[in-house]
């Protein structure tokens, strides 16, 4: 695995968070987010950093189109966003797609 710098700087207004979890679908959410990031569709941001209360991470979402990807029915990413008072995001749950 390459040791690359964090790619958390927003470039095009789209932000992606993925709950990487500890399951196969969690791994898939991470891969999907990284692919969207690599293709320039949005910038993958760190869900753990957001959970840690990073004020700059939270303020950085202002005006952004935000996608939160969860793998399973636990919806940890969605719950984390809601617990931080954030509700303006698109939520995708891979288990809804039959995965």
N, C-alpha and C. Protein backbone atom coordinates (compact mmCIF):
# COMPACT_ATOMS: atom_id res chain seq x y z
N UNK A 1 0.84 -1.17 0.00
CA UNK A 1 0.00 0.00 0.00
C UNK A 1 0.89 1.24 0.00
N UNK A 2 0.57 2.17 -0.88
CA UNK A 2 1.32 3.42 -0.96
C UNK A 2 1.04 4.28 0.25
N UNK A 3 2.04 5.01 0.69
CA UNK A 3 1.87 5.96 1.78
C UNK A 3 1.70 7.33 1.13
N UNK A 4 0.44 7.73 0.93
CA UNK A 4 0.16 8.99 0.27
C UNK A 4 -0.37 10.00 1.27
N UNK A 5 -0.19 11.25 0.98
CA UNK A 5 -0.70 12.32 1.84
C UNK A 5 -2.22 12.32 1.80
N UNK A 6 -2.82 12.86 2.82
CA UNK A 6 -4.27 12.97 2.89
C UNK A 6 -4.77 13.82 1.73
N UNK A 7 -5.83 13.38 1.09
CA UNK A 7 -6.39 14.11 -0.05
C UNK A 7 -7.70 14.78 0.37
N UNK A 8 -7.65 15.50 1.49
CA UNK A 8 -8.86 16.07 2.07
C UNK A 8 -9.19 17.48 1.59
N UNK A 9 -8.40 18.04 0.74
CA UNK A 9 -8.67 19.39 0.26
C UNK A 9 -9.73 19.35 -0.84
N UNK A 10 -10.83 20.07 -0.61
CA UNK A 10 -11.93 20.06 -1.57
C UNK A 10 -11.56 20.86 -2.81
N UNK A 11 -11.75 20.25 -3.97
CA UNK A 11 -11.37 20.90 -5.22
C UNK A 11 -12.57 21.26 -6.08
N UNK A 12 -13.61 20.41 -6.08
CA UNK A 12 -14.71 20.67 -7.00
C UNK A 12 -16.06 20.83 -6.32
N UNK A 13 -16.10 20.92 -5.01
CA UNK A 13 -17.36 21.14 -4.31
C UNK A 13 -18.08 19.88 -3.89
N UNK A 14 -17.60 18.72 -4.29
CA UNK A 14 -18.23 17.46 -3.90
C UNK A 14 -17.37 16.75 -2.86
N UNK A 15 -18.02 16.31 -1.80
CA UNK A 15 -17.33 15.64 -0.72
C UNK A 15 -17.92 14.25 -0.53
N UNK A 16 -17.06 13.28 -0.29
CA UNK A 16 -17.50 11.89 -0.11
C UNK A 16 -16.97 11.36 1.21
N UNK A 17 -17.88 10.77 1.99
CA UNK A 17 -17.52 10.07 3.21
C UNK A 17 -17.95 8.62 3.05
N UNK A 18 -17.12 7.69 3.48
CA UNK A 18 -17.47 6.28 3.42
C UNK A 18 -17.25 5.64 4.77
N UNK A 19 -18.25 4.89 5.23
CA UNK A 19 -18.06 4.09 6.43
C UNK A 19 -17.37 2.81 5.99
N UNK A 20 -16.09 2.71 6.27
CA UNK A 20 -15.32 1.56 5.82
C UNK A 20 -15.59 0.31 6.64
N UNK A 21 -16.13 0.47 7.81
CA UNK A 21 -16.56 -0.65 8.64
C UNK A 21 -15.55 -1.77 8.77
N UNK A 22 -16.02 -2.92 9.17
CA UNK A 22 -15.14 -4.08 9.33
C UNK A 22 -15.72 -5.29 8.61
N UNK A 23 -16.52 -5.03 7.59
CA UNK A 23 -17.13 -6.11 6.82
C UNK A 23 -16.78 -5.96 5.35
N UNK A 24 -17.20 -6.93 4.57
CA UNK A 24 -16.95 -6.87 3.13
C UNK A 24 -17.61 -5.66 2.48
N UNK A 25 -18.85 -5.35 2.89
CA UNK A 25 -19.52 -4.18 2.31
C UNK A 25 -18.85 -2.89 2.76
N UNK A 26 -18.27 -2.90 3.96
CA UNK A 26 -17.50 -1.74 4.41
C UNK A 26 -16.29 -1.51 3.54
N UNK A 27 -15.64 -2.58 3.19
CA UNK A 27 -14.48 -2.48 2.30
C UNK A 27 -14.91 -1.94 0.94
N UNK A 28 -16.07 -2.38 0.46
CA UNK A 28 -16.57 -1.89 -0.82
C UNK A 28 -16.89 -0.39 -0.77
N UNK A 29 -17.46 0.08 0.34
CA UNK A 29 -17.76 1.52 0.43
C UNK A 29 -16.48 2.34 0.31
N UNK A 30 -15.42 1.84 0.94
CA UNK A 30 -14.14 2.52 0.87
C UNK A 30 -13.61 2.53 -0.56
N UNK A 31 -13.70 1.40 -1.24
CA UNK A 31 -13.22 1.31 -2.63
C UNK A 31 -14.02 2.22 -3.56
N UNK A 32 -15.34 2.28 -3.36
CA UNK A 32 -16.18 3.15 -4.18
C UNK A 32 -15.79 4.62 -3.97
N UNK A 33 -15.64 5.01 -2.71
CA UNK A 33 -15.27 6.40 -2.42
C UNK A 33 -13.91 6.75 -3.01
N UNK A 34 -12.95 5.83 -2.90
CA UNK A 34 -11.62 6.09 -3.44
C UNK A 34 -11.65 6.19 -4.97
N UNK A 35 -12.48 5.39 -5.61
CA UNK A 35 -12.59 5.45 -7.07
C UNK A 35 -13.22 6.77 -7.50
N UNK A 36 -14.28 7.20 -6.81
CA UNK A 36 -14.90 8.49 -7.12
C UNK A 36 -13.91 9.62 -6.91
N UNK A 37 -13.09 9.52 -5.88
CA UNK A 37 -12.05 10.52 -5.61
C UNK A 37 -11.03 10.54 -6.74
N UNK A 38 -10.55 9.36 -7.11
CA UNK A 38 -9.53 9.25 -8.15
C UNK A 38 -10.03 9.78 -9.50
N UNK A 39 -11.31 9.56 -9.78
CA UNK A 39 -11.88 10.02 -11.05
C UNK A 39 -12.28 11.50 -11.02
N UNK A 40 -12.07 12.15 -9.89
CA UNK A 40 -12.34 13.58 -9.79
C UNK A 40 -13.80 13.93 -9.61
N UNK A 41 -14.63 12.96 -9.29
CA UNK A 41 -16.07 13.20 -9.10
C UNK A 41 -16.33 13.90 -7.78
N UNK A 42 -15.52 13.59 -6.81
CA UNK A 42 -15.62 14.22 -5.49
C UNK A 42 -14.36 13.92 -4.70
N UNK A 43 -14.21 14.61 -3.61
CA UNK A 43 -13.04 14.39 -2.77
C UNK A 43 -13.43 13.57 -1.56
N UNK A 44 -12.71 12.47 -1.37
CA UNK A 44 -12.96 11.63 -0.21
C UNK A 44 -12.41 12.33 1.02
N UNK A 45 -13.25 12.43 2.03
CA UNK A 45 -12.84 13.00 3.31
C UNK A 45 -12.90 11.93 4.38
N UNK A 46 -12.30 12.22 5.50
CA UNK A 46 -12.13 11.25 6.57
C UNK A 46 -13.30 11.28 7.55
N UNK A 47 -14.07 10.21 7.57
CA UNK A 47 -15.21 10.11 8.47
C UNK A 47 -14.74 10.10 9.93
N UNK A 48 -13.61 9.46 10.20
CA UNK A 48 -13.08 9.42 11.56
C UNK A 48 -12.68 10.82 12.04
N UNK A 49 -12.12 11.61 11.15
CA UNK A 49 -11.73 12.98 11.50
C UNK A 49 -12.97 13.80 11.83
N UNK A 50 -14.03 13.60 11.07
CA UNK A 50 -15.29 14.29 11.34
C UNK A 50 -15.83 13.85 12.70
N UNK A 51 -15.76 12.57 12.98
CA UNK A 51 -16.24 12.05 14.26
C UNK A 51 -15.41 12.58 15.43
N UNK A 52 -14.14 12.83 15.18
CA UNK A 52 -13.26 13.35 16.22
C UNK A 52 -13.56 14.81 16.55
N UNK A 53 -14.47 15.42 15.79
CA UNK A 53 -14.89 16.78 16.07
C UNK A 53 -14.05 17.85 15.40
N UNK A 54 -13.40 17.50 14.31
CA UNK A 54 -12.59 18.48 13.59
C UNK A 54 -13.46 19.63 13.09
N UNK A 55 -13.28 20.78 13.69
CA UNK A 55 -14.07 21.95 13.31
C UNK A 55 -13.81 22.33 11.86
N UNK A 56 -12.55 22.24 11.42
CA UNK A 56 -12.25 22.59 10.03
C UNK A 56 -12.93 21.62 9.07
N UNK A 57 -13.03 20.36 9.45
CA UNK A 57 -13.71 19.37 8.59
C UNK A 57 -15.19 19.70 8.50
N UNK A 58 -15.81 20.04 9.61
CA UNK A 58 -17.23 20.36 9.62
C UNK A 58 -17.50 21.66 8.86
N UNK A 59 -16.71 22.69 9.11
CA UNK A 59 -16.88 23.97 8.41
C UNK A 59 -16.60 23.81 6.92
N UNK A 60 -15.73 22.88 6.56
CA UNK A 60 -15.39 22.65 5.16
C UNK A 60 -16.52 22.08 4.34
N UNK A 61 -17.58 21.64 5.01
CA UNK A 61 -18.72 21.08 4.30
C UNK A 61 -19.72 22.14 3.85
N UNK A 62 -19.55 23.35 4.32
CA UNK A 62 -20.48 24.43 3.97
C UNK A 62 -20.50 24.61 2.45
N UNK A 63 -21.67 24.49 1.87
CA UNK A 63 -21.84 24.67 0.44
C UNK A 63 -21.43 23.48 -0.41
N UNK A 64 -20.98 22.43 0.23
CA UNK A 64 -20.54 21.26 -0.54
C UNK A 64 -21.71 20.32 -0.81
N UNK A 65 -21.63 19.63 -1.93
CA UNK A 65 -22.53 18.51 -2.19
C UNK A 65 -21.86 17.31 -1.54
N UNK A 66 -22.53 16.72 -0.56
CA UNK A 66 -21.91 15.68 0.25
C UNK A 66 -22.60 14.34 0.04
N UNK A 67 -21.81 13.30 -0.19
CA UNK A 67 -22.30 11.94 -0.32
C UNK A 67 -21.75 11.12 0.84
N UNK A 68 -22.63 10.42 1.54
CA UNK A 68 -22.24 9.52 2.62
C UNK A 68 -22.60 8.11 2.18
N UNK A 69 -21.60 7.23 2.15
CA UNK A 69 -21.82 5.85 1.71
C UNK A 69 -21.68 4.92 2.91
N UNK A 70 -22.74 4.17 3.19
CA UNK A 70 -22.72 3.13 4.21
C UNK A 70 -22.84 1.79 3.50
N UNK A 71 -22.28 0.78 4.12
CA UNK A 71 -22.37 -0.55 3.54
C UNK A 71 -23.57 -1.33 4.02
N UNK A 72 -23.91 -1.15 5.29
CA UNK A 72 -24.93 -2.02 5.87
C UNK A 72 -26.05 -1.23 6.55
N UNK A 73 -26.97 -1.96 7.13
CA UNK A 73 -28.15 -1.37 7.76
C UNK A 73 -27.85 -0.60 9.04
N UNK A 74 -26.65 -0.73 9.58
CA UNK A 74 -26.30 0.03 10.78
C UNK A 74 -26.22 1.53 10.49
N UNK A 75 -25.90 1.89 9.25
CA UNK A 75 -25.85 3.29 8.80
C UNK A 75 -24.97 4.17 9.70
N UNK A 76 -23.78 3.68 10.03
CA UNK A 76 -22.88 4.42 10.92
C UNK A 76 -22.51 5.79 10.36
N UNK A 77 -22.24 5.87 9.07
CA UNK A 77 -21.89 7.16 8.47
C UNK A 77 -23.02 8.16 8.57
N UNK A 78 -24.22 7.73 8.25
CA UNK A 78 -25.39 8.60 8.33
C UNK A 78 -25.62 9.05 9.77
N UNK A 79 -25.53 8.12 10.72
CA UNK A 79 -25.74 8.47 12.12
C UNK A 79 -24.68 9.45 12.61
N UNK A 80 -23.46 9.24 12.18
CA UNK A 80 -22.38 10.15 12.58
C UNK A 80 -22.66 11.56 12.08
N UNK A 81 -23.06 11.67 10.83
CA UNK A 81 -23.38 12.99 10.27
C UNK A 81 -24.49 13.64 11.08
N UNK A 82 -25.57 12.90 11.33
CA UNK A 82 -26.70 13.43 12.09
C UNK A 82 -26.28 13.83 13.51
N UNK A 83 -25.44 13.02 14.13
CA UNK A 83 -24.96 13.33 15.49
C UNK A 83 -24.11 14.60 15.52
N UNK A 84 -23.51 14.97 14.40
CA UNK A 84 -22.73 16.20 14.29
C UNK A 84 -23.60 17.37 13.85
N UNK A 85 -24.91 17.13 13.72
CA UNK A 85 -25.83 18.20 13.34
C UNK A 85 -25.85 18.46 11.85
N UNK A 86 -25.35 17.51 11.07
CA UNK A 86 -25.30 17.66 9.61
C UNK A 86 -26.41 16.83 8.98
N UNK A 87 -27.21 17.47 8.14
CA UNK A 87 -28.32 16.75 7.52
C UNK A 87 -28.41 16.97 6.01
N UNK A 88 -27.62 17.87 5.49
CA UNK A 88 -27.67 18.19 4.06
C UNK A 88 -26.67 17.32 3.30
N UNK A 89 -27.06 16.06 3.07
CA UNK A 89 -26.19 15.14 2.35
C UNK A 89 -27.03 14.07 1.67
N UNK A 90 -26.43 13.46 0.68
CA UNK A 90 -27.05 12.33 0.00
C UNK A 90 -26.53 11.07 0.67
N UNK A 91 -27.43 10.15 0.96
CA UNK A 91 -27.04 8.92 1.64
C UNK A 91 -27.23 7.73 0.70
N UNK A 92 -26.21 6.90 0.60
CA UNK A 92 -26.26 5.69 -0.20
C UNK A 92 -25.90 4.51 0.69
N UNK A 93 -26.73 3.48 0.70
CA UNK A 93 -26.47 2.27 1.47
C UNK A 93 -26.33 1.12 0.49
N UNK A 94 -25.13 0.54 0.44
CA UNK A 94 -24.85 -0.50 -0.53
C UNK A 94 -25.77 -1.71 -0.37
N UNK A 95 -26.19 -1.99 0.86
CA UNK A 95 -27.09 -3.14 1.06
C UNK A 95 -28.43 -2.94 0.36
N UNK A 96 -28.82 -1.68 0.11
CA UNK A 96 -30.05 -1.40 -0.65
C UNK A 96 -29.90 -1.78 -2.12
N UNK A 97 -28.65 -1.94 -2.57
CA UNK A 97 -28.39 -2.29 -3.97
C UNK A 97 -28.21 -3.79 -4.14
N UNK A 98 -28.52 -4.54 -3.08
CA UNK A 98 -28.43 -5.99 -3.16
C UNK A 98 -27.04 -6.53 -2.86
N UNK A 99 -26.19 -5.69 -2.33
CA UNK A 99 -24.83 -6.12 -2.01
C UNK A 99 -24.78 -6.60 -0.59
